[in-house]
Amino acid sequence: MISCGHAKLYEILSFYSIVVRLADEEPVDQKKYFEDLCKPKCVRAWLEYQGCVKRVDADETGHKHCTGQYFDYWQCVDKCVAPKLFDKLK
């Protein structure tokens, strides 16, 4: 039979063991998974970005960039990912 003091200690140690086990598990980043699912839906934006990169590579002045196309691509991906990700957080 466990005394009252030992029962409380057992309860605390049991809780600690659960916390340690949970801390040992490697968390999985769901955002990367959903990004991989959504990237095929944003092929048009990706192709526009890749076309820009080819044009910029030919630019000798170094003043041109593809920042706009890059952000358009990631905006498309994020717009697809956001609802899926927030559904997982609930």
PDB file of N, CA and C in Angstrom:
ATOM      1  N   MET A   1       0.838  -1.171   0.000  1.00  0.00           N
ATOM      2  CA  MET A   1       0.000   0.000   0.000  1.00  0.00           C
ATOM      3  C   MET A   1       0.888   1.240   0.000  1.00  0.00           C
ATOM      4  N   ILE A   2       0.490   2.257  -0.787  1.00  0.00           N
ATOM      5  CA  ILE A   2       1.256   3.493  -0.905  1.00  0.00           C
ATOM      6  C   ILE A   2       0.703   4.518   0.072  1.00  0.00           C
ATOM      7  N   SER A   3       1.609   5.120   0.852  1.00  0.00           N
ATOM      8  CA  SER A   3       1.167   6.156   1.792  1.00  0.00           C
ATOM      9  C   SER A   3       0.823   7.424   1.022  1.00  0.00           C
ATOM     10  N   CYS A   4       0.186   8.365   1.702  1.00  0.00           N
ATOM     11  CA  CYS A   4      -0.266   9.607   1.080  1.00  0.00           C
ATOM     12  C   CYS A   4       0.910  10.381   0.478  1.00  0.00           C
ATOM     13  N   GLY A   5       2.011  10.474   1.204  1.00  0.00           N
ATOM     14  CA  GLY A   5       3.192  11.185   0.708  1.00  0.00           C
ATOM     15  C   GLY A   5       3.791  10.506  -0.506  1.00  0.00           C
ATOM     16  N   HIS A   6       3.832   9.174  -0.438  1.00  0.00           N
ATOM     17  CA  HIS A   6       4.376   8.429  -1.570  1.00  0.00           C
ATOM     18  C   HIS A   6       3.453   8.513  -2.789  1.00  0.00           C
ATOM     19  N   ALA A   7       2.152   8.560  -2.558  1.00  0.00           N
ATOM     20  CA  ALA A   7       1.191   8.660  -3.657  1.00  0.00           C
ATOM     21  C   ALA A   7       1.384   9.974  -4.409  1.00  0.00           C
ATOM     22  N   LYS A   8       1.583  11.049  -3.655  1.00  0.00           N
ATOM     23  CA  LYS A   8       1.791  12.359  -4.281  1.00  0.00           C
ATOM     24  C   LYS A   8       3.101  12.356  -5.074  1.00  0.00           C
ATOM     25  N   LEU A   9       4.147  11.784  -4.494  1.00  0.00           N
ATOM     26  CA  LEU A   9       5.438  11.695  -5.174  1.00  0.00           C
ATOM     27  C   LEU A   9       5.303  10.861  -6.450  1.00  0.00           C
ATOM     28  N   TYR A  10       4.567   9.756  -6.368  1.00  0.00           N
ATOM     29  CA  TYR A  10       4.349   8.898  -7.526  1.00  0.00           C
ATOM     30  C   TYR A  10       3.614   9.679  -8.626  1.00  0.00           C
ATOM     31  N   GLU A  11       2.621  10.469  -8.228  1.00  0.00           N
ATOM     32  CA  GLU A  11       1.848  11.269  -9.181  1.00  0.00           C
ATOM     33  C   GLU A  11       2.757  12.291  -9.880  1.00  0.00           C
ATOM     34  N   ILE A  12       3.609  12.952  -9.116  1.00  0.00           N
ATOM     35  CA  ILE A  12       4.523  13.948  -9.679  1.00  0.00           C
ATOM     36  C   ILE A  12       5.514  13.284 -10.630  1.00  0.00           C
ATOM     37  N   LEU A  13       6.079  12.153 -10.211  1.00  0.00           N
ATOM     38  CA  LEU A  13       7.047  11.464 -11.063  1.00  0.00           C
ATOM     39  C   LEU A  13       6.396  10.932 -12.339  1.00  0.00           C
ATOM     40  N   SER A  14       5.167  10.474 -12.236  1.00  0.00           N
ATOM     41  CA  SER A  14       4.453   9.990 -13.418  1.00  0.00           C
ATOM     42  C   SER A  14       4.242  11.127 -14.408  1.00  0.00           C
ATOM     43  N   PHE A  15       3.849  12.293 -13.889  1.00  0.00           N
ATOM     44  CA  PHE A  15       3.648  13.454 -14.750  1.00  0.00           C
ATOM     45  C   PHE A  15       4.968  13.849 -15.407  1.00  0.00           C
ATOM     46  N   TYR A  16       6.048  13.859 -14.627  1.00  0.00           N
ATOM     47  CA  TYR A  16       7.360  14.228 -15.151  1.00  0.00           C
ATOM     48  C   TYR A  16       7.785  13.261 -16.249  1.00  0.00           C
ATOM     49  N   SER A  17       7.529  12.001 -16.080  1.00  0.00           N
ATOM     50  CA  SER A  17       7.902  11.015 -17.087  1.00  0.00           C
ATOM     51  C   SER A  17       7.129  11.237 -18.379  1.00  0.00           C
ATOM     52  N   ILE A  18       5.863  11.656 -18.285  1.00  0.00           N
ATOM     53  CA  ILE A  18       5.077  11.963 -19.485  1.00  0.00           C
ATOM     54  C   ILE A  18       5.669  13.175 -20.193  1.00  0.00           C
ATOM     55  N   VAL A  19       6.013  14.206 -19.428  1.00  0.00           N
ATOM     56  CA  VAL A  19       6.593  15.410 -20.012  1.00  0.00           C
ATOM     57  C   VAL A  19       7.907  15.086 -20.704  1.00  0.00           C
ATOM     58  N   VAL A  20       8.732  14.276 -20.083  1.00  0.00           N
ATOM     59  CA  VAL A  20      10.017  13.909 -20.677  1.00  0.00           C
ATOM     60  C   VAL A  20       9.795  13.129 -21.964  1.00  0.00           C
ATOM     61  N   ARG A  21       8.847  12.206 -21.966  1.00  0.00           N
ATOM     62  CA  ARG A  21       8.579  11.436 -23.177  1.00  0.00           C
ATOM     63  C   ARG A  21       8.092  12.351 -24.294  1.00  0.00           C
ATOM     64  N   LEU A  22       7.215  13.304 -23.966  1.00  0.00           N
ATOM     65  CA  LEU A  22       6.720  14.220 -24.981  1.00  0.00           C
ATOM     66  C   LEU A  22       7.835  15.125 -25.493  1.00  0.00           C
ATOM     67  N   ALA A  23       8.721  15.531 -24.608  1.00  0.00           N
ATOM     68  CA  ALA A  23       9.826  16.396 -25.010  1.00  0.00           C
ATOM     69  C   ALA A  23      10.808  15.651 -25.899  1.00  0.00           C
ATOM     70  N   ASP A  24      10.913  14.346 -25.748  1.00  0.00           N
ATOM     71  CA  ASP A  24      11.841  13.560 -26.556  1.00  0.00           C
ATOM     72  C   ASP A  24      11.341  13.351 -27.982  1.00  0.00           C
ATOM     73  N   GLU A  25      10.024  13.424 -28.180  1.00  0.00           N
ATOM     74  CA  GLU A  25       9.477  13.229 -29.512  1.00  0.00           C
ATOM     75  C   GLU A  25       9.806  14.437 -30.372  1.00  0.00           C
ATOM     76  N   GLU A  26      10.227  14.179 -31.591  1.00  0.00           N
ATOM     77  CA  GLU A  26      10.601  15.247 -32.511  1.00  0.00           C
ATOM     78  C   GLU A  26       9.335  15.840 -33.134  1.00  0.00           C
ATOM     79  N   PRO A  27       9.112  17.140 -32.988  1.00  0.00           N
ATOM     80  CA  PRO A  27       7.923  17.744 -33.592  1.00  0.00           C
ATOM     81  C   PRO A  27       8.049  17.766 -35.116  1.00  0.00           C
ATOM     82  N   VAL A  28       6.918  17.680 -35.779  1.00  0.00           N
ATOM     83  CA  VAL A  28       6.890  17.684 -37.233  1.00  0.00           C
ATOM     84  C   VAL A  28       6.313  19.019 -37.690  1.00  0.00           C
ATOM     85  N   ASP A  29       7.035  19.690 -38.573  1.00  0.00           N
ATOM     86  CA  ASP A  29       6.582  20.975 -39.090  1.00  0.00           C
ATOM     87  C   ASP A  29       5.554  20.729 -40.192  1.00  0.00           C
ATOM     88  N   GLN A  30       4.293  20.956 -39.883  1.00  0.00           N
ATOM     89  CA  GLN A  30       3.214  20.725 -40.839  1.00  0.00           C
ATOM     90  C   GLN A  30       3.248  21.722 -41.991  1.00  0.00           C
ATOM     91  N   LYS A  31       3.798  22.908 -41.754  1.00  0.00           N
ATOM     92  CA  LYS A  31       3.815  23.936 -42.796  1.00  0.00           C
ATOM     93  C   LYS A  31       4.589  23.459 -44.019  1.00  0.00           C
ATOM     94  N   LYS A  32       5.722  22.830 -43.815  1.00  0.00           N
ATOM     95  CA  LYS A  32       6.525  22.346 -44.942  1.00  0.00           C
ATOM     96  C   LYS A  32       5.762  21.292 -45.741  1.00  0.00           C
ATOM     97  N   TYR A  33       5.037  20.428 -45.037  1.00  0.00           N
ATOM     98  CA  TYR A  33       4.231  19.394 -45.693  1.00  0.00           C
ATOM     99  C   TYR A  33       3.163  20.043 -46.576  1.00  0.00           C
ATOM    100  N   PHE A  34       2.449  21.037 -46.022  1.00  0.00           N
ATOM    101  CA  PHE A  34       1.394  21.700 -46.787  1.00  0.00           C
ATOM    102  C   PHE A  34       1.968  22.537 -47.929  1.00  0.00           C
ATOM    103  N   GLU A  35       3.153  23.116 -47.734  1.00  0.00           N
ATOM    104  CA  GLU A  35       3.785  23.857 -48.830  1.00  0.00           C
ATOM    105  C   GLU A  35       4.066  22.928 -50.001  1.00  0.00           C
ATOM    106  N   ASP A  36       4.557  21.738 -49.716  1.00  0.00           N
ATOM    107  CA  ASP A  36       4.830  20.774 -50.783  1.00  0.00           C
ATOM    108  C   ASP A  36       3.550  20.369 -51.510  1.00  0.00           C
ATOM    109  N   LEU A  37       2.436  20.304 -50.783  1.00  0.00           N
ATOM    110  CA  LEU A  37       1.157  19.986 -51.421  1.00  0.00           C
ATOM    111  C   LEU A  37       0.649  21.140 -52.278  1.00  0.00           C
ATOM    112  N   CYS A  38       0.935  22.363 -51.863  1.00  0.00           N
ATOM    113  CA  CYS A  38       0.393  23.537 -52.546  1.00  0.00           C
ATOM    114  C   CYS A  38       1.256  24.034 -53.703  1.00  0.00           C
ATOM    115  N   LYS A  39       2.517  23.715 -53.719  1.00  0.00           N
ATOM    116  CA  LYS A  39       3.406  24.224 -54.776  1.00  0.00           C
ATOM    117  C   LYS A  39       2.925  23.876 -56.184  1.00  0.00           C
ATOM    118  N   PRO A  40       2.402  22.671 -56.439  1.00  0.00           N
ATOM    119  CA  PRO A  40       1.915  22.384 -57.796  1.00  0.00           C
ATOM    120  C   PRO A  40       0.758  23.288 -58.230  1.00  0.00           C
ATOM    121  N   LYS A  41       0.018  23.840 -57.286  1.00  0.00           N
ATOM    122  CA  LYS A  41      -1.090  24.739 -57.623  1.00  0.00           C
ATOM    123  C   LYS A  41      -0.587  26.118 -58.041  1.00  0.00           C
ATOM    124  N   CYS A  42       0.682  26.394 -57.811  1.00  0.00           N
ATOM    125  CA  CYS A  42       1.253  27.713 -58.097  1.00  0.00           C
ATOM    126  C   CYS A  42       2.292  27.643 -59.214  1.00  0.00           C
ATOM    127  N   VAL A  43       2.103  26.727 -60.137  1.00  0.00           N
ATOM    128  CA  VAL A  43       3.073  26.520 -61.215  1.00  0.00           C
ATOM    129  C   VAL A  43       3.204  27.774 -62.078  1.00  0.00           C
ATOM    130  N   ARG A  44       2.099  28.435 -62.352  1.00  0.00           N
ATOM    131  CA  ARG A  44       2.148  29.627 -63.204  1.00  0.00           C
ATOM    132  C   ARG A  44       3.066  30.692 -62.599  1.00  0.00           C
ATOM    133  N   ALA A  45       2.890  30.974 -61.307  1.00  0.00           N
ATOM    134  CA  ALA A  45       3.734  31.968 -60.633  1.00  0.00           C
ATOM    135  C   ALA A  45       5.192  31.510 -60.617  1.00  0.00           C
ATOM    136  N   TRP A  46       5.420  30.207 -60.446  1.00  0.00           N
ATOM    137  CA  TRP A  46       6.787  29.681 -60.434  1.00  0.00           C
ATOM    138  C   TRP A  46       7.446  29.854 -61.805  1.00  0.00           C
ATOM    139  N   LEU A  47       6.694  29.574 -62.878  1.00  0.00           N
ATOM    140  CA  LEU A  47       7.243  29.718 -64.227  1.00  0.00           C
ATOM    141  C   LEU A  47       7.544  31.177 -64.550  1.00  0.00           C
ATOM    142  N   GLU A  48       6.698  32.088 -64.067  1.00  0.00           N
ATOM    143  CA  GLU A  48       6.968  33.515 -64.251  1.00  0.00           C
ATOM    144  C   GLU A  48       8.252  33.905 -63.526  1.00  0.00           C
ATOM    145  N   TYR A  49       8.439  33.393 -62.339  1.00  0.00           N
ATOM    146  CA  TYR A  49       9.666  33.676 -61.586  1.00  0.00           C
ATOM    147  C   TYR A  49      10.888  33.107 -62.312  1.00  0.00           C
ATOM    148  N   GLN A  50      10.798  31.864 -62.773  1.00  0.00           N
ATOM    149  CA  GLN A  50      11.923  31.244 -63.476  1.00  0.00           C
ATOM    150  C   GLN A  50      12.260  31.995 -64.769  1.00  0.00           C
ATOM    151  N   GLY A  51      11.236  32.462 -65.484  1.00  0.00           N
ATOM    152  CA  GLY A  51      11.466  33.260 -66.691  1.00  0.00           C
ATOM    153  C   GLY A  51      12.186  34.556 -66.364  1.00  0.00           C
ATOM    154  N   CYS A  52      11.792  35.176 -65.276  1.00  0.00           N
ATOM    155  CA  CYS A  52      12.450  36.401 -64.836  1.00  0.00           C
ATOM    156  C   CYS A  52      13.909  36.137 -64.484  1.00  0.00           C
ATOM    157  N   VAL A  53      14.162  35.043 -63.795  1.00  0.00           N
ATOM    158  CA  VAL A  53      15.539  34.704 -63.409  1.00  0.00           C
ATOM    159  C   VAL A  53      16.416  34.560 -64.655  1.00  0.00           C
ATOM    160  N   LYS A  54      15.887  33.940 -65.698  1.00  0.00           N
ATOM    161  CA  LYS A  54      16.658  33.787 -66.939  1.00  0.00           C
ATOM    162  C   LYS A  54      16.952  35.142 -67.573  1.00  0.00           C
ATOM    163  N   ARG A  55      15.956  36.038 -67.567  1.00  0.00           N
ATOM    164  CA  ARG A  55      16.171  37.371 -68.133  1.00  0.00           C
ATOM    165  C   ARG A  55      17.190  38.156 -67.318  1.00  0.00           C
ATOM    166  N   VAL A  56      17.101  38.053 -66.003  1.00  0.00           N
ATOM    167  CA  VAL A  56      18.006  38.801 -65.127  1.00  0.00           C
ATOM    168  C   VAL A  56      19.433  38.279 -65.246  1.00  0.00           C
ATOM    169  N   ASP A  57      19.584  36.986 -65.431  1.00  0.00           N
ATOM    170  CA  ASP A  57      20.932  36.425 -65.601  1.00  0.00           C
ATOM    171  C   ASP A  57      21.634  37.021 -66.817  1.00  0.00           C
ATOM    172  N   ALA A  58      20.853  37.398 -67.827  1.00  0.00           N
ATOM    173  CA  ALA A  58      21.427  37.983 -69.038  1.00  0.00           C
ATOM    174  C   ALA A  58      21.711  39.480 -68.868  1.00  0.00           C
ATOM    175  N   ASP A  59      21.207  40.082 -67.821  1.00  0.00           N
ATOM    176  CA  ASP A  59      21.396  41.518 -67.580  1.00  0.00           C
ATOM    177  C   ASP A  59      22.815  41.786 -67.096  1.00  0.00           C
ATOM    178  N   GLU A  60      23.509  42.655 -67.805  1.00  0.00           N
ATOM    179  CA  GLU A  60      24.893  42.983 -67.454  1.00  0.00           C
ATOM    180  C   GLU A  60      24.980  44.092 -66.411  1.00  0.00           C
ATOM    181  N   THR A  61      23.931  44.901 -66.271  1.00  0.00           N
ATOM    182  CA  THR A  61      24.001  46.055 -65.366  1.00  0.00           C
ATOM    183  C   THR A  61      23.871  45.659 -63.906  1.00  0.00           C
ATOM    184  N   GLY A  62      23.151  44.589 -63.639  1.00  0.00           N
ATOM    185  CA  GLY A  62      22.962  44.149 -62.255  1.00  0.00           C
ATOM    186  C   GLY A  62      21.873  44.902 -61.516  1.00  0.00           C
ATOM    187  N   HIS A  63      21.090  45.709 -62.251  1.00  0.00           N
ATOM    188  CA  HIS A  63      20.040  46.506 -61.609  1.00  0.00           C
ATOM    189  C   HIS A  63      18.685  45.804 -61.597  1.00  0.00           C
ATOM    190  N   LYS A  64      18.523  44.791 -62.397  1.00  0.00           N
ATOM    191  CA  LYS A  64      17.226  44.107 -62.466  1.00  0.00           C
ATOM    192  C   LYS A  64      17.166  42.990 -61.433  1.00  0.00           C
ATOM    193  N   HIS A  65      15.948  42.681 -61.003  1.00  0.00           N
ATOM    194  CA  HIS A  65      15.750  41.624 -60.008  1.00  0.00           C
ATOM    195  C   HIS A  65      14.374  40.999 -60.197  1.00  0.00           C
ATOM    196  N   CYS A  66      14.127  39.916 -59.503  1.00  0.00           N
ATOM    197  CA  CYS A  66      12.864  39.172 -59.621  1.00  0.00           C
ATOM    198  C   CYS A  66      12.124  39.112 -58.293  1.00  0.00           C
ATOM    199  N   THR A  67      12.326  40.095 -57.466  1.00  0.00           N
ATOM    200  CA  THR A  67      11.709  40.092 -56.141  1.00  0.00           C
ATOM    201  C   THR A  67      10.192  40.018 -56.223  1.00  0.00           C
ATOM    202  N   GLY A  68       9.600  40.772 -57.135  1.00  0.00           N
ATOM    203  CA  GLY A  68       8.139  40.773 -57.274  1.00  0.00           C
ATOM    204  C   GLY A  68       7.594  39.404 -57.628  1.00  0.00           C
ATOM    205  N   GLN A  69       8.217  38.755 -58.590  1.00  0.00           N
ATOM    206  CA  GLN A  69       7.770  37.425 -59.005  1.00  0.00           C
ATOM    207  C   GLN A  69       7.989  36.395 -57.899  1.00  0.00           C
ATOM    208  N   TYR A  70       9.086  36.556 -57.177  1.00  0.00           N
ATOM    209  CA  TYR A  70       9.377  35.652 -56.062  1.00  0.00           C
ATOM    210  C   TYR A  70       8.290  35.758 -54.993  1.00  0.00           C
ATOM    211  N   PHE A  71       7.943  36.990 -54.637  1.00  0.00           N
ATOM    212  CA  PHE A  71       6.900  37.181 -53.625  1.00  0.00           C
ATOM    213  C   PHE A  71       5.532  36.752 -54.133  1.00  0.00           C
ATOM    214  N   ASP A  72       5.257  36.931 -55.433  1.00  0.00           N
ATOM    215  CA  ASP A  72       3.988  36.461 -55.999  1.00  0.00           C
ATOM    216  C   ASP A  72       3.865  34.945 -55.858  1.00  0.00           C
ATOM    217  N   TYR A  73       4.961  34.246 -56.110  1.00  0.00           N
ATOM    218  CA  TYR A  73       4.952  32.785 -55.982  1.00  0.00           C
ATOM    219  C   TYR A  73       4.660  32.372 -54.542  1.00  0.00           C
ATOM    220  N   TRP A  74       5.389  32.952 -53.593  1.00  0.00           N
ATOM    221  CA  TRP A  74       5.189  32.558 -52.198  1.00  0.00           C
ATOM    222  C   TRP A  74       3.846  33.032 -51.655  1.00  0.00           C
ATOM    223  N   GLN A  75       3.299  34.108 -52.187  1.00  0.00           N
ATOM    224  CA  GLN A  75       1.962  34.540 -51.781  1.00  0.00           C
ATOM    225  C   GLN A  75       0.935  33.497 -52.220  1.00  0.00           C
ATOM    226  N   CYS A  76       1.108  32.964 -53.417  1.00  0.00           N
ATOM    227  CA  CYS A  76       0.218  31.911 -53.906  1.00  0.00           C
ATOM    228  C   CYS A  76       0.302  30.679 -53.011  1.00  0.00           C
ATOM    229  N   VAL A  77       1.516  30.274 -52.675  1.00  0.00           N
ATOM    230  CA  VAL A  77       1.706  29.098 -51.817  1.00  0.00           C
ATOM    231  C   VAL A  77       1.099  29.350 -50.437  1.00  0.00           C
ATOM    232  N   ASP A  78       1.385  30.504 -49.854  1.00  0.00           N
ATOM    233  CA  ASP A  78       0.866  30.821 -48.517  1.00  0.00           C
ATOM    234  C   ASP A  78      -0.653  30.888 -48.492  1.00  0.00           C
ATOM    235  N   LYS A  79      -1.250  31.417 -49.559  1.00  0.00           N
ATOM    236  CA  LYS A  79      -2.711  31.506 -49.631  1.00  0.00           C
ATOM    237  C   LYS A  79      -3.340  30.112 -49.624  1.00  0.00           C
ATOM    238  N   CYS A  80      -2.671  29.163 -50.238  1.00  0.00           N
ATOM    239  CA  CYS A  80      -3.145  27.778 -50.256  1.00  0.00           C
ATOM    240  C   CYS A  80      -2.890  27.085 -48.916  1.00  0.00           C
ATOM    241  N   VAL A  81      -1.744  27.362 -48.309  1.00  0.00           N
ATOM    242  CA  VAL A  81      -1.331  26.682 -47.072  1.00  0.00           C
ATOM    243  C   VAL A  81      -2.127  27.156 -45.859  1.00  0.00           C
ATOM    244  N   ALA A  82      -2.402  28.440 -45.768  1.00  0.00           N
ATOM    245  CA  ALA A  82      -2.977  29.030 -44.550  1.00  0.00           C
ATOM    246  C   ALA A  82      -4.221  28.309 -44.035  1.00  0.00           C
ATOM    247  N   PRO A  83      -5.249  28.082 -44.855  1.00  0.00           N
ATOM    248  CA  PRO A  83      -6.439  27.411 -44.305  1.00  0.00           C
ATOM    249  C   PRO A  83      -6.154  25.993 -43.808  1.00  0.00           C
ATOM    250  N   LYS A  84      -5.305  25.281 -44.516  1.00  0.00           N
ATOM    251  CA  LYS A  84      -4.979  23.907 -44.118  1.00  0.00           C
ATOM    252  C   LYS A  84      -4.205  23.892 -42.802  1.00  0.00           C
ATOM    253  N   LEU A  85      -3.280  24.823 -42.671  1.00  0.00           N
ATOM    254  CA  LEU A  85      -2.449  24.891 -41.475  1.00  0.00           C
ATOM    255  C   LEU A  85      -3.268  25.297 -40.256  1.00  0.00           C
ATOM    256  N   PHE A  86      -4.129  26.291 -40.407  1.00  0.00           N
ATOM    257  CA  PHE A  86      -4.922  26.749 -39.272  1.00  0.00           C
ATOM    258  C   PHE A  86      -5.976  25.727 -38.863  1.00  0.00           C
ATOM    259  N   ASP A  87      -6.440  24.904 -39.809  1.00  0.00           N
ATOM    260  CA  ASP A  87      -7.349  23.815 -39.437  1.00  0.00           C
ATOM    261  C   ASP A  87      -6.648  22.817 -38.525  1.00  0.00           C
ATOM    262  N   LYS A  88      -5.352  22.591 -38.749  1.00  0.00           N
ATOM    263  CA  LYS A  88      -4.579  21.667 -37.906  1.00  0.00           C
ATOM    264  C   LYS A  88      -4.324  22.242 -36.519  1.00  0.00           C
ATOM    265  N   LEU A  89      -4.251  23.571 -36.420  1.00  0.00           N
ATOM    266  CA  LEU A  89      -3.967  24.199 -35.132  1.00  0.00           C
ATOM    267  C   LEU A  89      -5.165  24.177 -34.201  1.00  0.00           C
ATOM    268  N   LYS A  90      -6.350  24.069 -34.755  1.00  0.00           N
ATOM    269  CA  LYS A  90      -7.568  24.098 -33.925  1.00  0.00           C
ATOM    270  C   LYS A  90      -7.731  22.832 -33.145  1.00  0.00           C
TER     271      LYS A  90
END
